[in-house]
Amino acid sequence: MNKAIKIIKEVFSKQPKLGRNKAVIIKNLTNKYNGRVFLDNINFVVYRGEIFSVIGLSGGGKSTLLKSMVGLNPISDGSIYFFGQNPFFSKKLIGFSSQEDSFYTELTISENIKLFSEMNGVSKAKGLSTGIEYLKKLKLDNYLNSYPDELSGGQRKRLNIIISCLHSPKLLILDEPFAGLDYYNRRILWDFLTALKNKGVTVVLTTHLLEEAQKYSSRVLILKNGKKFAYGTFKDIKTRIGFNYLYHIKLSSLSQSFFESLNHYTMLKGIKIIYTIKNEVQFALDSQSDKSLINSFLSKNNQSFAEISLREPNLDEVMLASK
């Protein structure tokens, strides 16, 4: 009874004053079950008309977060608002596509489109018109009267997303939409999502494709063990981690004892070794001046080496440094 009263109070409580440009606001979101914490006090904002990516290692809480946002997972604490409203009042504004198939395999694609259109308050005719438009954009228009089992895995992923878009949602939430897709299928999907964004649709998605997330997303949220590790633009995240440059060298030799000395020295200087293979070492530097510290240490220890590169890191490398 107390839990029910709490939910009712949250639904009808006064909504926060949100700027017109905020599509999603998550405040202190926590998810616990049987003493285990899956999401720990998560806070972030998503702005209207952006592609926002949630990234992290497997088991980091990405899917749990999205399912909690759309009400598939109960939350232990915190608040969720879509366009300034409680999710109870904003369901028609949201489209959600999970990792699992959302359609019925015993129905044709045309029949699925009509069914899910009506389920979302859209007439069969309008839903079919929208569905055919999206089928064309996602290279599936030849399959209108086919059954889902006739589609490849990548095509089924695209159909899943079409099903979630039939009611023209203002916010599209996608759980691992690119999982298992080849480059061709990913490019088709990214182009589709970018076109939706350009029309003002907000897209929130989870992905392991860090390079593509960096290219297409305006901002990202990095989850680590259910906690917010970093959040913002790629530049913001590099600053948060203290990783603005990747320094890559090759030593003439690298013994275990010297590596331990090198690792100890760099830790004292706030420099992180993120990768080693054979005689090659990569360092995460906060500033270019850190390079001279490493070079000086190597010279004092009579270690000959060659510089391979000093450059800005990509998102994959930043994630590697966050482990």
C-alpha atoms as a PDB file:
ATOM      1  CA  MET A   1       0.000   0.000   0.000  1.00  0.00           C
ATOM      2  CA  ASN A   2       2.758   2.452   0.929  1.00  0.00           C
ATOM      3  CA  LYS A   3       4.543   1.728  -2.344  1.00  0.00           C
ATOM      4  CA  ALA A   4       1.344   2.343  -4.318  1.00  0.00           C
ATOM      5  CA  ILE A   5       0.790   5.666  -2.530  1.00  0.00           C
ATOM      6  CA  LYS A   6       4.377   6.685  -3.309  1.00  0.00           C
ATOM      7  CA  ILE A   7       3.892   5.930  -7.014  1.00  0.00           C
ATOM      8  CA  ILE A   8       0.644   7.922  -7.130  1.00  0.00           C
ATOM      9  CA  LYS A   9       2.330  10.886  -5.449  1.00  0.00           C
ATOM     10  CA  GLU A  10       5.191  10.762  -7.956  1.00  0.00           C
ATOM     11  CA  VAL A  11       2.808  10.651 -10.914  1.00  0.00           C
ATOM     12  CA  PHE A  12       0.770  13.639  -9.803  1.00  0.00           C
ATOM     13  CA  SER A  13       3.548  15.603  -8.137  1.00  0.00           C
ATOM     14  CA  LYS A  14       4.492  19.033  -9.445  1.00  0.00           C
ATOM     15  CA  GLN A  15       6.796  18.625 -12.395  1.00  0.00           C
ATOM     16  CA  PRO A  16      10.174  20.385 -12.401  1.00  0.00           C
ATOM     17  CA  LYS A  17      10.618  23.524 -14.446  1.00  0.00           C
ATOM     18  CA  LEU A  18      12.522  22.299 -17.460  1.00  0.00           C
ATOM     19  CA  GLY A  19      13.876  24.350 -20.303  1.00  0.00           C
ATOM     20  CA  ARG A  20      12.094  23.860 -23.591  1.00  0.00           C
ATOM     21  CA  ASN A  21      15.177  22.233 -25.026  1.00  0.00           C
ATOM     22  CA  LYS A  22      15.253  19.326 -22.547  1.00  0.00           C
ATOM     23  CA  ALA A  23      13.706  16.078 -23.782  1.00  0.00           C
ATOM     24  CA  VAL A  24      14.804  13.827 -20.903  1.00  0.00           C
ATOM     25  CA  ILE A  25      15.840  14.515 -17.343  1.00  0.00           C
ATOM     26  CA  ILE A  26      16.973  11.712 -15.042  1.00  0.00           C
ATOM     27  CA  LYS A  27      17.420  12.547 -11.355  1.00  0.00           C
ATOM     28  CA  ASN A  28      19.036  10.212  -8.810  1.00  0.00           C
ATOM     29  CA  LEU A  29      17.854   7.098 -10.644  1.00  0.00           C
ATOM     30  CA  THR A  30      18.585   3.943  -8.635  1.00  0.00           C
ATOM     31  CA  ASN A  31      17.737   0.324  -9.335  1.00  0.00           C
ATOM     32  CA  LYS A  32      18.250  -2.317  -6.634  1.00  0.00           C
ATOM     33  CA  TYR A  33      17.151  -5.930  -6.437  1.00  0.00           C
ATOM     34  CA  ASN A  34      17.871  -8.527  -3.753  1.00  0.00           C
ATOM     35  CA  GLY A  35      20.550  -6.321  -2.235  1.00  0.00           C
ATOM     36  CA  ARG A  36      22.369  -5.817  -5.529  1.00  0.00           C
ATOM     37  CA  VAL A  37      22.665  -2.325  -7.015  1.00  0.00           C
ATOM     38  CA  PHE A  38      22.272  -2.244 -10.804  1.00  0.00           C
ATOM     39  CA  LEU A  39      22.013   1.545 -11.178  1.00  0.00           C
ATOM     40  CA  ASP A  40      23.443   3.851  -8.536  1.00  0.00           C
ATOM     41  CA  ASN A  41      22.152   7.429  -8.365  1.00  0.00           C
ATOM     42  CA  ILE A  42      22.273   8.222 -12.086  1.00  0.00           C
ATOM     43  CA  ASN A  43      21.760  11.839 -13.199  1.00  0.00           C
ATOM     44  CA  PHE A  44      21.779  13.236 -16.733  1.00  0.00           C
ATOM     45  CA  VAL A  45      19.869  15.352 -19.248  1.00  0.00           C
ATOM     46  CA  VAL A  46      19.150  14.721 -22.937  1.00  0.00           C
ATOM     47  CA  TYR A  47      18.366  17.694 -25.147  1.00  0.00           C
ATOM     48  CA  ARG A  48      15.748  17.816 -27.857  1.00  0.00           C
ATOM     49  CA  GLY A  49      16.882  16.818 -31.303  1.00  0.00           C
ATOM     50  CA  GLU A  50      20.154  15.134 -30.354  1.00  0.00           C
ATOM     51  CA  ILE A  51      21.481  11.604 -30.651  1.00  0.00           C
ATOM     52  CA  PHE A  52      22.599  10.633 -27.157  1.00  0.00           C
ATOM     53  CA  SER A  53      24.576   7.412 -26.687  1.00  0.00           C
ATOM     54  CA  VAL A  54      24.880   5.373 -23.501  1.00  0.00           C
ATOM     55  CA  ILE A  55      28.068   3.320 -23.571  1.00  0.00           C
ATOM     56  CA  GLY A  56      30.003   1.057 -21.244  1.00  0.00           C
ATOM     57  CA  LEU A  57      31.244  -2.475 -20.766  1.00  0.00           C
ATOM     58  CA  SER A  58      28.860  -5.430 -20.773  1.00  0.00           C
ATOM     59  CA  GLY A  59      26.993  -5.593 -17.476  1.00  0.00           C
ATOM     60  CA  GLY A  60      27.609  -1.895 -16.816  1.00  0.00           C
ATOM     61  CA  GLY A  61      23.892  -1.079 -16.611  1.00  0.00           C
ATOM     62  CA  LYS A  62      23.115   0.252 -20.103  1.00  0.00           C
ATOM     63  CA  SER A  63      20.076  -1.911 -20.863  1.00  0.00           C
ATOM     64  CA  THR A  64      18.866  -1.676 -17.265  1.00  0.00           C
ATOM     65  CA  LEU A  65      18.904   2.109 -17.575  1.00  0.00           C
ATOM     66  CA  LEU A  66      16.849   2.185 -20.779  1.00  0.00           C
ATOM     67  CA  LYS A  67      14.350  -0.376 -19.491  1.00  0.00           C
ATOM     68  CA  SER A  68      14.003   1.630 -16.284  1.00  0.00           C
ATOM     69  CA  MET A  69      13.352   4.769 -18.320  1.00  0.00           C
ATOM     70  CA  VAL A  70      10.451   3.187 -20.202  1.00  0.00           C
ATOM     71  CA  GLY A  71       8.981   1.408 -17.177  1.00  0.00           C
ATOM     72  CA  LEU A  72      10.010  -2.170 -17.970  1.00  0.00           C
ATOM     73  CA  ASN A  73      12.256  -2.278 -14.894  1.00  0.00           C
ATOM     74  CA  PRO A  74      10.990  -0.861 -11.593  1.00  0.00           C
ATOM     75  CA  ILE A  75      13.125   1.873 -10.057  1.00  0.00           C
ATOM     76  CA  SER A  76      14.043   1.930  -6.381  1.00  0.00           C
ATOM     77  CA  ASP A  77      14.514   5.677  -6.215  1.00  0.00           C
ATOM     78  CA  GLY A  78      14.789   8.757  -8.388  1.00  0.00           C
ATOM     79  CA  SER A  79      12.719  10.565 -10.996  1.00  0.00           C
ATOM     80  CA  ILE A  80      12.257  10.390 -14.765  1.00  0.00           C
ATOM     81  CA  TYR A  81      10.760  13.155 -16.899  1.00  0.00           C
ATOM     82  CA  PHE A  82      10.103  13.255 -20.626  1.00  0.00           C
ATOM     83  CA  PHE A  83       9.503  16.724 -22.072  1.00  0.00           C
ATOM     84  CA  GLY A  84       8.749  18.022 -18.585  1.00  0.00           C
ATOM     85  CA  GLN A  85       6.160  15.343 -17.847  1.00  0.00           C
ATOM     86  CA  ASN A  86       6.019  12.212 -15.754  1.00  0.00           C
ATOM     87  CA  PRO A  87       6.353   9.139 -18.041  1.00  0.00           C
ATOM     88  CA  PHE A  88       2.754   8.227 -17.139  1.00  0.00           C
ATOM     89  CA  PHE A  89       1.573  11.227 -19.166  1.00  0.00           C
ATOM     90  CA  SER A  90       4.092  11.021 -21.991  1.00  0.00           C
ATOM     91  CA  LYS A  91       3.844   7.437 -23.262  1.00  0.00           C
ATOM     92  CA  LYS A  92       2.567   8.511 -26.685  1.00  0.00           C
ATOM     93  CA  LEU A  93       5.645  10.685 -27.119  1.00  0.00           C
ATOM     94  CA  ILE A  94       8.035   7.729 -26.777  1.00  0.00           C
ATOM     95  CA  GLY A  95       9.079   4.879 -29.042  1.00  0.00           C
ATOM     96  CA  PHE A  96      11.111   1.986 -27.603  1.00  0.00           C
ATOM     97  CA  SER A  97      12.941  -0.788 -29.394  1.00  0.00           C
ATOM     98  CA  SER A  98      14.473  -3.546 -27.288  1.00  0.00           C
ATOM     99  CA  GLN A  99      17.164  -6.031 -28.244  1.00  0.00           C
ATOM    100  CA  GLU A 100      14.466  -8.695 -28.639  1.00  0.00           C
ATOM    101  CA  ASP A 101      12.081  -8.864 -31.607  1.00  0.00           C
ATOM    102  CA  SER A 102       8.927  -6.836 -30.954  1.00  0.00           C
ATOM    103  CA  PHE A 103       6.878  -8.094 -33.905  1.00  0.00           C
ATOM    104  CA  TYR A 104       4.801 -11.226 -34.486  1.00  0.00           C
ATOM    105  CA  THR A 105       6.418 -13.778 -36.763  1.00  0.00           C
ATOM    106  CA  GLU A 106       3.053 -15.320 -37.732  1.00  0.00           C
ATOM    107  CA  LEU A 107       1.939 -12.001 -39.258  1.00  0.00           C
ATOM    108  CA  THR A 108       3.270 -10.395 -42.421  1.00  0.00           C
ATOM    109  CA  ILE A 109       5.214  -7.166 -42.117  1.00  0.00           C
ATOM    110  CA  SER A 110       2.199  -5.279 -43.456  1.00  0.00           C
ATOM    111  CA  GLU A 111      -0.043  -6.901 -40.841  1.00  0.00           C
ATOM    112  CA  ASN A 112       2.472  -6.140 -38.084  1.00  0.00           C
ATOM    113  CA  ILE A 113       2.567  -2.477 -39.133  1.00  0.00           C
ATOM    114  CA  LYS A 114      -1.236  -2.195 -39.064  1.00  0.00           C
ATOM    115  CA  LEU A 115      -1.476  -3.966 -35.696  1.00  0.00           C
ATOM    116  CA  PHE A 116       1.181  -1.899 -33.934  1.00  0.00           C
ATOM    117  CA  SER A 117      -0.185   1.310 -35.459  1.00  0.00           C
ATOM    118  CA  GLU A 118      -3.594   0.680 -33.906  1.00  0.00           C
ATOM    119  CA  MET A 119      -1.994  -0.325 -30.600  1.00  0.00           C
ATOM    120  CA  ASN A 120      -0.351   3.116 -30.528  1.00  0.00           C
ATOM    121  CA  GLY A 121      -3.478   5.060 -31.436  1.00  0.00           C
ATOM    122  CA  VAL A 122      -2.750   5.461 -35.139  1.00  0.00           C
ATOM    123  CA  SER A 123      -5.174   4.398 -37.876  1.00  0.00           C
ATOM    124  CA  LYS A 124      -4.234   1.432 -40.025  1.00  0.00           C
ATOM    125  CA  ALA A 125      -4.091   3.623 -43.142  1.00  0.00           C
ATOM    126  CA  LYS A 126      -1.843   6.261 -41.615  1.00  0.00           C
ATOM    127  CA  GLY A 127       0.346   3.650 -39.916  1.00  0.00           C
ATOM    128  CA  LEU A 128       0.736   1.722 -43.159  1.00  0.00           C
ATOM    129  CA  SER A 129       1.652   4.899 -45.023  1.00  0.00           C
ATOM    130  CA  THR A 130       4.302   5.754 -42.425  1.00  0.00           C
ATOM    131  CA  GLY A 131       5.504   2.153 -42.358  1.00  0.00           C
ATOM    132  CA  ILE A 132       5.945   2.003 -46.127  1.00  0.00           C
ATOM    133  CA  GLU A 133       7.894   5.283 -46.024  1.00  0.00           C
ATOM    134  CA  TYR A 134      10.249   3.882 -43.363  1.00  0.00           C
ATOM    135  CA  LEU A 135      10.547   0.530 -45.127  1.00  0.00           C
ATOM    136  CA  LYS A 136      11.823   2.389 -48.196  1.00  0.00           C
ATOM    137  CA  LYS A 137      14.319   4.413 -46.176  1.00  0.00           C
ATOM    138  CA  LEU A 138      15.614   1.267 -44.471  1.00  0.00           C
ATOM    139  CA  LYS A 139      15.768  -0.773 -47.700  1.00  0.00           C
ATOM    140  CA  LEU A 140      12.942  -3.146 -46.728  1.00  0.00           C
ATOM    141  CA  ASP A 141      10.178  -2.031 -49.109  1.00  0.00           C
ATOM    142  CA  ASN A 142      10.362  -5.285 -51.090  1.00  0.00           C
ATOM    143  CA  TYR A 143       9.317  -7.215 -47.981  1.00  0.00           C
ATOM    144  CA  LEU A 144       5.987  -5.514 -47.181  1.00  0.00           C
ATOM    145  CA  ASN A 145       3.994  -8.715 -47.684  1.00  0.00           C
ATOM    146  CA  SER A 146       6.694 -11.081 -46.419  1.00  0.00           C
ATOM    147  CA  TYR A 147       6.913 -12.704 -43.006  1.00  0.00           C
ATOM    148  CA  PRO A 148       9.615 -11.623 -40.526  1.00  0.00           C
ATOM    149  CA  ASP A 149      11.223 -15.070 -40.652  1.00  0.00           C
ATOM    150  CA  GLU A 150      12.187 -14.325 -44.253  1.00  0.00           C
ATOM    151  CA  LEU A 151      14.378 -11.435 -43.110  1.00  0.00           C
ATOM    152  CA  SER A 152      18.038 -11.522 -42.148  1.00  0.00           C
ATOM    153  CA  GLY A 153      19.148 -10.538 -38.658  1.00  0.00           C
ATOM    154  CA  GLY A 154      20.041  -7.025 -39.781  1.00  0.00           C
ATOM    155  CA  GLN A 155      16.718  -6.604 -41.542  1.00  0.00           C
ATOM    156  CA  ARG A 156      14.822  -7.754 -38.449  1.00  0.00           C
ATOM    157  CA  LYS A 157      16.674  -5.123 -36.407  1.00  0.00           C
ATOM    158  CA  ARG A 158      15.519  -2.454 -38.841  1.00  0.00           C
ATOM    159  CA  LEU A 159      11.938  -3.748 -38.750  1.00  0.00           C
ATOM    160  CA  ASN A 160      12.032  -3.585 -34.950  1.00  0.00           C
ATOM    161  CA  ILE A 161      12.878   0.098 -35.133  1.00  0.00           C
ATOM    162  CA  ILE A 162      10.198   0.790 -37.737  1.00  0.00           C
ATOM    163  CA  ILE A 163       7.606  -0.779 -35.410  1.00  0.00           C
ATOM    164  CA  SER A 164       8.688   1.606 -32.643  1.00  0.00           C
ATOM    165  CA  CYS A 165       8.362   4.671 -34.932  1.00  0.00           C
ATOM    166  CA  LEU A 166       4.885   4.191 -36.414  1.00  0.00           C
ATOM    167  CA  HIS A 167       3.228   6.714 -34.066  1.00  0.00           C
ATOM    168  CA  SER A 168       5.874   9.358 -34.888  1.00  0.00           C
ATOM    169  CA  PRO A 169       7.373   9.588 -31.380  1.00  0.00           C
ATOM    170  CA  LYS A 170       9.271  12.701 -30.310  1.00  0.00           C
ATOM    171  CA  LEU A 171      11.693  10.506 -28.334  1.00  0.00           C
ATOM    172  CA  LEU A 172      13.122   7.239 -29.656  1.00  0.00           C
ATOM    173  CA  ILE A 173      14.854   4.921 -27.178  1.00  0.00           C
ATOM    174  CA  LEU A 174      16.866   2.054 -28.705  1.00  0.00           C
ATOM    175  CA  ASP A 175      18.602  -0.756 -26.831  1.00  0.00           C
ATOM    176  CA  GLU A 176      21.666  -1.976 -28.769  1.00  0.00           C
ATOM    177  CA  PRO A 177      20.192  -1.302 -32.230  1.00  0.00           C
ATOM    178  CA  PHE A 178      23.529  -2.042 -33.944  1.00  0.00           C
ATOM    179  CA  ALA A 179      24.357  -5.316 -32.183  1.00  0.00           C
ATOM    180  CA  GLY A 180      25.441  -7.960 -34.691  1.00  0.00           C
ATOM    181  CA  LEU A 181      25.060  -5.679 -37.725  1.00  0.00           C
ATOM    182  CA  ASP A 182      27.629  -5.395 -40.496  1.00  0.00           C
ATOM    183  CA  TYR A 183      28.881  -2.041 -41.765  1.00  0.00           C
ATOM    184  CA  TYR A 184      26.255  -1.842 -44.538  1.00  0.00           C
ATOM    185  CA  ASN A 185      23.333  -2.349 -42.171  1.00  0.00           C
ATOM    186  CA  ARG A 186      24.819   0.001 -39.559  1.00  0.00           C
ATOM    187  CA  ARG A 187      25.277   2.776 -42.132  1.00  0.00           C
ATOM    188  CA  ILE A 188      21.664   2.440 -43.300  1.00  0.00           C
ATOM    189  CA  LEU A 189      20.465   2.665 -39.714  1.00  0.00           C
ATOM    190  CA  TRP A 190      22.706   5.598 -38.777  1.00  0.00           C
ATOM    191  CA  ASP A 191      21.488   7.520 -41.848  1.00  0.00           C
ATOM    192  CA  PHE A 192      17.885   6.829 -40.822  1.00  0.00           C
ATOM    193  CA  LEU A 193      18.443   7.968 -37.234  1.00  0.00           C
ATOM    194  CA  THR A 194      20.295  11.070 -38.401  1.00  0.00           C
ATOM    195  CA  ALA A 195      17.359  11.945 -40.677  1.00  0.00           C
ATOM    196  CA  LEU A 196      14.978  11.590 -37.724  1.00  0.00           C
ATOM    197  CA  LYS A 197      17.239  13.795 -35.605  1.00  0.00           C
ATOM    198  CA  ASN A 198      17.237  16.439 -38.327  1.00  0.00           C
ATOM    199  CA  LYS A 199      13.432  16.447 -38.093  1.00  0.00           C
ATOM    200  CA  GLY A 200      13.616  17.147 -34.363  1.00  0.00           C
ATOM    201  CA  VAL A 201      13.321  13.608 -32.995  1.00  0.00           C
ATOM    202  CA  THR A 202      15.477  12.895 -29.936  1.00  0.00           C
ATOM    203  CA  VAL A 203      17.317   9.552 -30.023  1.00  0.00           C
ATOM    204  CA  VAL A 204      18.722   7.779 -26.970  1.00  0.00           C
ATOM    205  CA  LEU A 205      20.570   4.532 -27.647  1.00  0.00           C
ATOM    206  CA  THR A 206      23.024   2.075 -26.180  1.00  0.00           C
ATOM    207  CA  THR A 207      25.942   0.802 -28.224  1.00  0.00           C
ATOM    208  CA  HIS A 208      29.365  -0.851 -28.088  1.00  0.00           C
ATOM    209  CA  LEU A 209      30.423   0.884 -31.308  1.00  0.00           C
ATOM    210  CA  LEU A 210      32.459   3.628 -29.724  1.00  0.00           C
ATOM    211  CA  GLU A 211      33.974   5.111 -32.869  1.00  0.00           C
ATOM    212  CA  GLU A 212      30.550   5.430 -34.477  1.00  0.00           C
ATOM    213  CA  ALA A 213      29.030   6.795 -31.264  1.00  0.00           C
ATOM    214  CA  GLN A 214      31.722   9.470 -31.280  1.00  0.00           C
ATOM    215  CA  LYS A 215      30.942  10.321 -34.910  1.00  0.00           C
ATOM    216  CA  TYR A 216      27.140  10.476 -34.759  1.00  0.00           C
ATOM    217  CA  SER A 217      26.317  11.401 -31.144  1.00  0.00           C
ATOM    218  CA  SER A 218      26.438  14.931 -29.819  1.00  0.00           C
ATOM    219  CA  ARG A 219      26.984  13.679 -26.257  1.00  0.00           C
ATOM    220  CA  VAL A 220      27.472  10.386 -24.436  1.00  0.00           C
ATOM    221  CA  LEU A 221      27.005   8.860 -21.004  1.00  0.00           C
ATOM    222  CA  ILE A 222      29.572   6.289 -19.860  1.00  0.00           C
ATOM    223  CA  LEU A 223      28.329   3.799 -17.261  1.00  0.00           C
ATOM    224  CA  LYS A 224      30.733   1.770 -15.172  1.00  0.00           C
ATOM    225  CA  ASN A 225      29.422  -0.866 -12.753  1.00  0.00           C
ATOM    226  CA  GLY A 226      26.043   0.821 -12.641  1.00  0.00           C
ATOM    227  CA  LYS A 227      27.474   4.268 -11.887  1.00  0.00           C
ATOM    228  CA  LYS A 228      27.871   7.364 -14.028  1.00  0.00           C
ATOM    229  CA  PHE A 229      31.553   7.403 -14.872  1.00  0.00           C
ATOM    230  CA  ALA A 230      31.578  10.285 -17.345  1.00  0.00           C
ATOM    231  CA  TYR A 231      29.019  12.363 -19.203  1.00  0.00           C
ATOM    232  CA  GLY A 232      28.929  15.105 -21.825  1.00  0.00           C
ATOM    233  CA  THR A 233      30.643  15.817 -25.106  1.00  0.00           C
ATOM    234  CA  PHE A 234      33.704  13.807 -26.072  1.00  0.00           C
ATOM    235  CA  LYS A 235      35.840  16.794 -25.107  1.00  0.00           C
ATOM    236  CA  ASP A 236      34.144  16.928 -21.677  1.00  0.00           C
ATOM    237  CA  ILE A 237      34.833  13.240 -21.110  1.00  0.00           C
ATOM    238  CA  LYS A 238      38.509  13.475 -22.080  1.00  0.00           C
ATOM    239  CA  THR A 239      38.881  16.292 -19.567  1.00  0.00           C
ATOM    240  CA  ARG A 240      37.010  14.314 -16.894  1.00  0.00           C
ATOM    241  CA  ILE A 241      39.307  11.309 -17.327  1.00  0.00           C
ATOM    242  CA  GLY A 242      42.435  13.434 -17.748  1.00  0.00           C
ATOM    243  CA  PHE A 243      43.214  11.846 -21.098  1.00  0.00           C
ATOM    244  CA  ASN A 244      43.799  14.450 -23.787  1.00  0.00           C
ATOM    245  CA  TYR A 245      46.716  12.787 -25.589  1.00  0.00           C
ATOM    246  CA  LEU A 246      47.765   9.258 -26.454  1.00  0.00           C
ATOM    247  CA  TYR A 247      51.538   8.752 -26.373  1.00  0.00           C
ATOM    248  CA  HIS A 248      52.718   5.581 -28.090  1.00  0.00           C
ATOM    249  CA  ILE A 249      56.368   4.422 -27.952  1.00  0.00           C
ATOM    250  CA  LYS A 250      58.416   1.351 -28.792  1.00  0.00           C
ATOM    251  CA  LEU A 251      61.332   0.359 -26.559  1.00  0.00           C
ATOM    252  CA  SER A 252      64.318  -1.670 -27.686  1.00  0.00           C
ATOM    253  CA  SER A 253      63.409  -4.130 -24.912  1.00  0.00           C
ATOM    254  CA  LEU A 254      60.949  -4.246 -22.033  1.00  0.00           C
ATOM    255  CA  SER A 255      61.646  -6.509 -19.077  1.00  0.00           C
ATOM    256  CA  GLN A 256      59.055  -7.209 -16.417  1.00  0.00           C
ATOM    257  CA  SER A 257      61.152  -5.523 -13.744  1.00  0.00           C
ATOM    258  CA  PHE A 258      61.567  -2.318 -15.751  1.00  0.00           C
ATOM    259  CA  PHE A 259      57.894  -2.270 -16.680  1.00  0.00           C
ATOM    260  CA  GLU A 260      57.016  -2.405 -12.977  1.00  0.00           C
ATOM    261  CA  SER A 261      59.374   0.540 -12.342  1.00  0.00           C
ATOM    262  CA  LEU A 262      57.878   2.469 -15.258  1.00  0.00           C
ATOM    263  CA  ASN A 263      54.332   1.739 -14.109  1.00  0.00           C
ATOM    264  CA  HIS A 264      55.141   2.875 -10.565  1.00  0.00           C
ATOM    265  CA  TYR A 265      56.723   6.104 -11.810  1.00  0.00           C
ATOM    266  CA  THR A 266      53.850   7.000 -14.129  1.00  0.00           C
ATOM    267  CA  MET A 267      51.292   6.328 -11.388  1.00  0.00           C
ATOM    268  CA  LEU A 268      53.112   8.790  -9.123  1.00  0.00           C
ATOM    269  CA  LYS A 269      52.978  11.377 -11.912  1.00  0.00           C
ATOM    270  CA  GLY A 270      49.286  10.811 -12.612  1.00  0.00           C
ATOM    271  CA  ILE A 271      49.988   9.173 -15.973  1.00  0.00           C
ATOM    272  CA  LYS A 272      48.238   5.944 -16.882  1.00  0.00           C
ATOM    273  CA  ILE A 273      49.621   3.108 -18.993  1.00  0.00           C
ATOM    274  CA  ILE A 274      46.614   1.903 -20.949  1.00  0.00           C
ATOM    275  CA  TYR A 275      48.123  -0.736 -23.217  1.00  0.00           C
ATOM    276  CA  THR A 276      51.271  -2.789 -23.700  1.00  0.00           C
ATOM    277  CA  ILE A 277      52.159  -5.355 -26.331  1.00  0.00           C
ATOM    278  CA  LYS A 278      55.642  -6.781 -26.653  1.00  0.00           C
ATOM    279  CA  ASN A 279      57.929  -3.722 -26.451  1.00  0.00           C
ATOM    280  CA  GLU A 280      55.260  -1.133 -27.239  1.00  0.00           C
ATOM    281  CA  VAL A 281      53.612   1.016 -24.569  1.00  0.00           C
ATOM    282  CA  GLN A 282      50.719   3.475 -24.773  1.00  0.00           C
ATOM    283  CA  PHE A 283      50.217   6.213 -22.179  1.00  0.00           C
ATOM    284  CA  ALA A 284      47.214   8.402 -21.400  1.00  0.00           C
ATOM    285  CA  LEU A 285      48.483  11.965 -20.986  1.00  0.00           C
ATOM    286  CA  ASP A 286      46.619  14.916 -19.555  1.00  0.00           C
ATOM    287  CA  SER A 287      48.948  17.390 -21.305  1.00  0.00           C
ATOM    288  CA  GLN A 288      51.753  17.198 -23.850  1.00  0.00           C
ATOM    289  CA  SER A 289      54.250  18.174 -21.156  1.00  0.00           C
ATOM    290  CA  ASP A 290      53.732  14.705 -19.597  1.00  0.00           C
ATOM    291  CA  LYS A 291      55.606  13.304 -22.574  1.00  0.00           C
ATOM    292  CA  SER A 292      58.881  14.875 -21.367  1.00  0.00           C
ATOM    293  CA  LEU A 293      58.448  13.231 -17.954  1.00  0.00           C
ATOM    294  CA  ILE A 294      58.253   9.810 -19.557  1.00  0.00           C
ATOM    295  CA  ASN A 295      61.142  10.476 -21.936  1.00  0.00           C
ATOM    296  CA  SER A 296      63.327  11.740 -19.091  1.00  0.00           C
ATOM    297  CA  PHE A 297      62.600   8.665 -16.982  1.00  0.00           C
ATOM    298  CA  LEU A 298      63.459   6.360 -19.878  1.00  0.00           C
ATOM    299  CA  SER A 299      66.719   8.209 -20.585  1.00  0.00           C
ATOM    300  CA  LYS A 300      67.804   8.142 -16.935  1.00  0.00           C
ATOM    301  CA  ASN A 301      67.288   4.387 -16.955  1.00  0.00           C
ATOM    302  CA  ASN A 302      69.286   3.941 -20.181  1.00  0.00           C
ATOM    303  CA  GLN A 303      66.250   2.752 -22.126  1.00  0.00           C
ATOM    304  CA  SER A 304      66.414   3.403 -25.841  1.00  0.00           C
ATOM    305  CA  PHE A 305      63.029   3.950 -27.507  1.00  0.00           C
ATOM    306  CA  ALA A 306      61.321   5.399 -30.545  1.00  0.00           C
ATOM    307  CA  GLU A 307      58.189   7.542 -30.592  1.00  0.00           C
ATOM    308  CA  ILE A 308      55.410   6.053 -32.710  1.00  0.00           C
ATOM    309  CA  SER A 309      52.798   8.761 -32.201  1.00  0.00           C
ATOM    310  CA  LEU A 310      51.479  11.534 -29.999  1.00  0.00           C
ATOM    311  CA  ARG A 311      47.864  12.338 -30.849  1.00  0.00           C
ATOM    312  CA  GLU A 312      44.405  12.890 -29.482  1.00  0.00           C
ATOM    313  CA  PRO A 313      42.656   9.653 -28.449  1.00  0.00           C
ATOM    314  CA  ASN A 314      39.426   8.302 -29.875  1.00  0.00           C
ATOM    315  CA  LEU A 315      36.501   7.134 -27.757  1.00  0.00           C
ATOM    316  CA  ASP A 316      37.644   3.483 -27.830  1.00  0.00           C
ATOM    317  CA  GLU A 317      40.957   4.496 -26.266  1.00  0.00           C
ATOM    318  CA  VAL A 318      39.276   6.710 -23.691  1.00  0.00           C
ATOM    319  CA  MET A 319      37.102   3.756 -22.666  1.00  0.00           C
ATOM    320  CA  LEU A 320      40.218   1.582 -22.451  1.00  0.00           C
ATOM    321  CA  ALA A 321      41.770   4.137 -20.098  1.00  0.00           C
ATOM    322  CA  SER A 322      38.640   4.118 -17.926  1.00  0.00           C
ATOM    323  CA  LYS A 323      38.949   0.433 -17.003  1.00  0.00           C
END
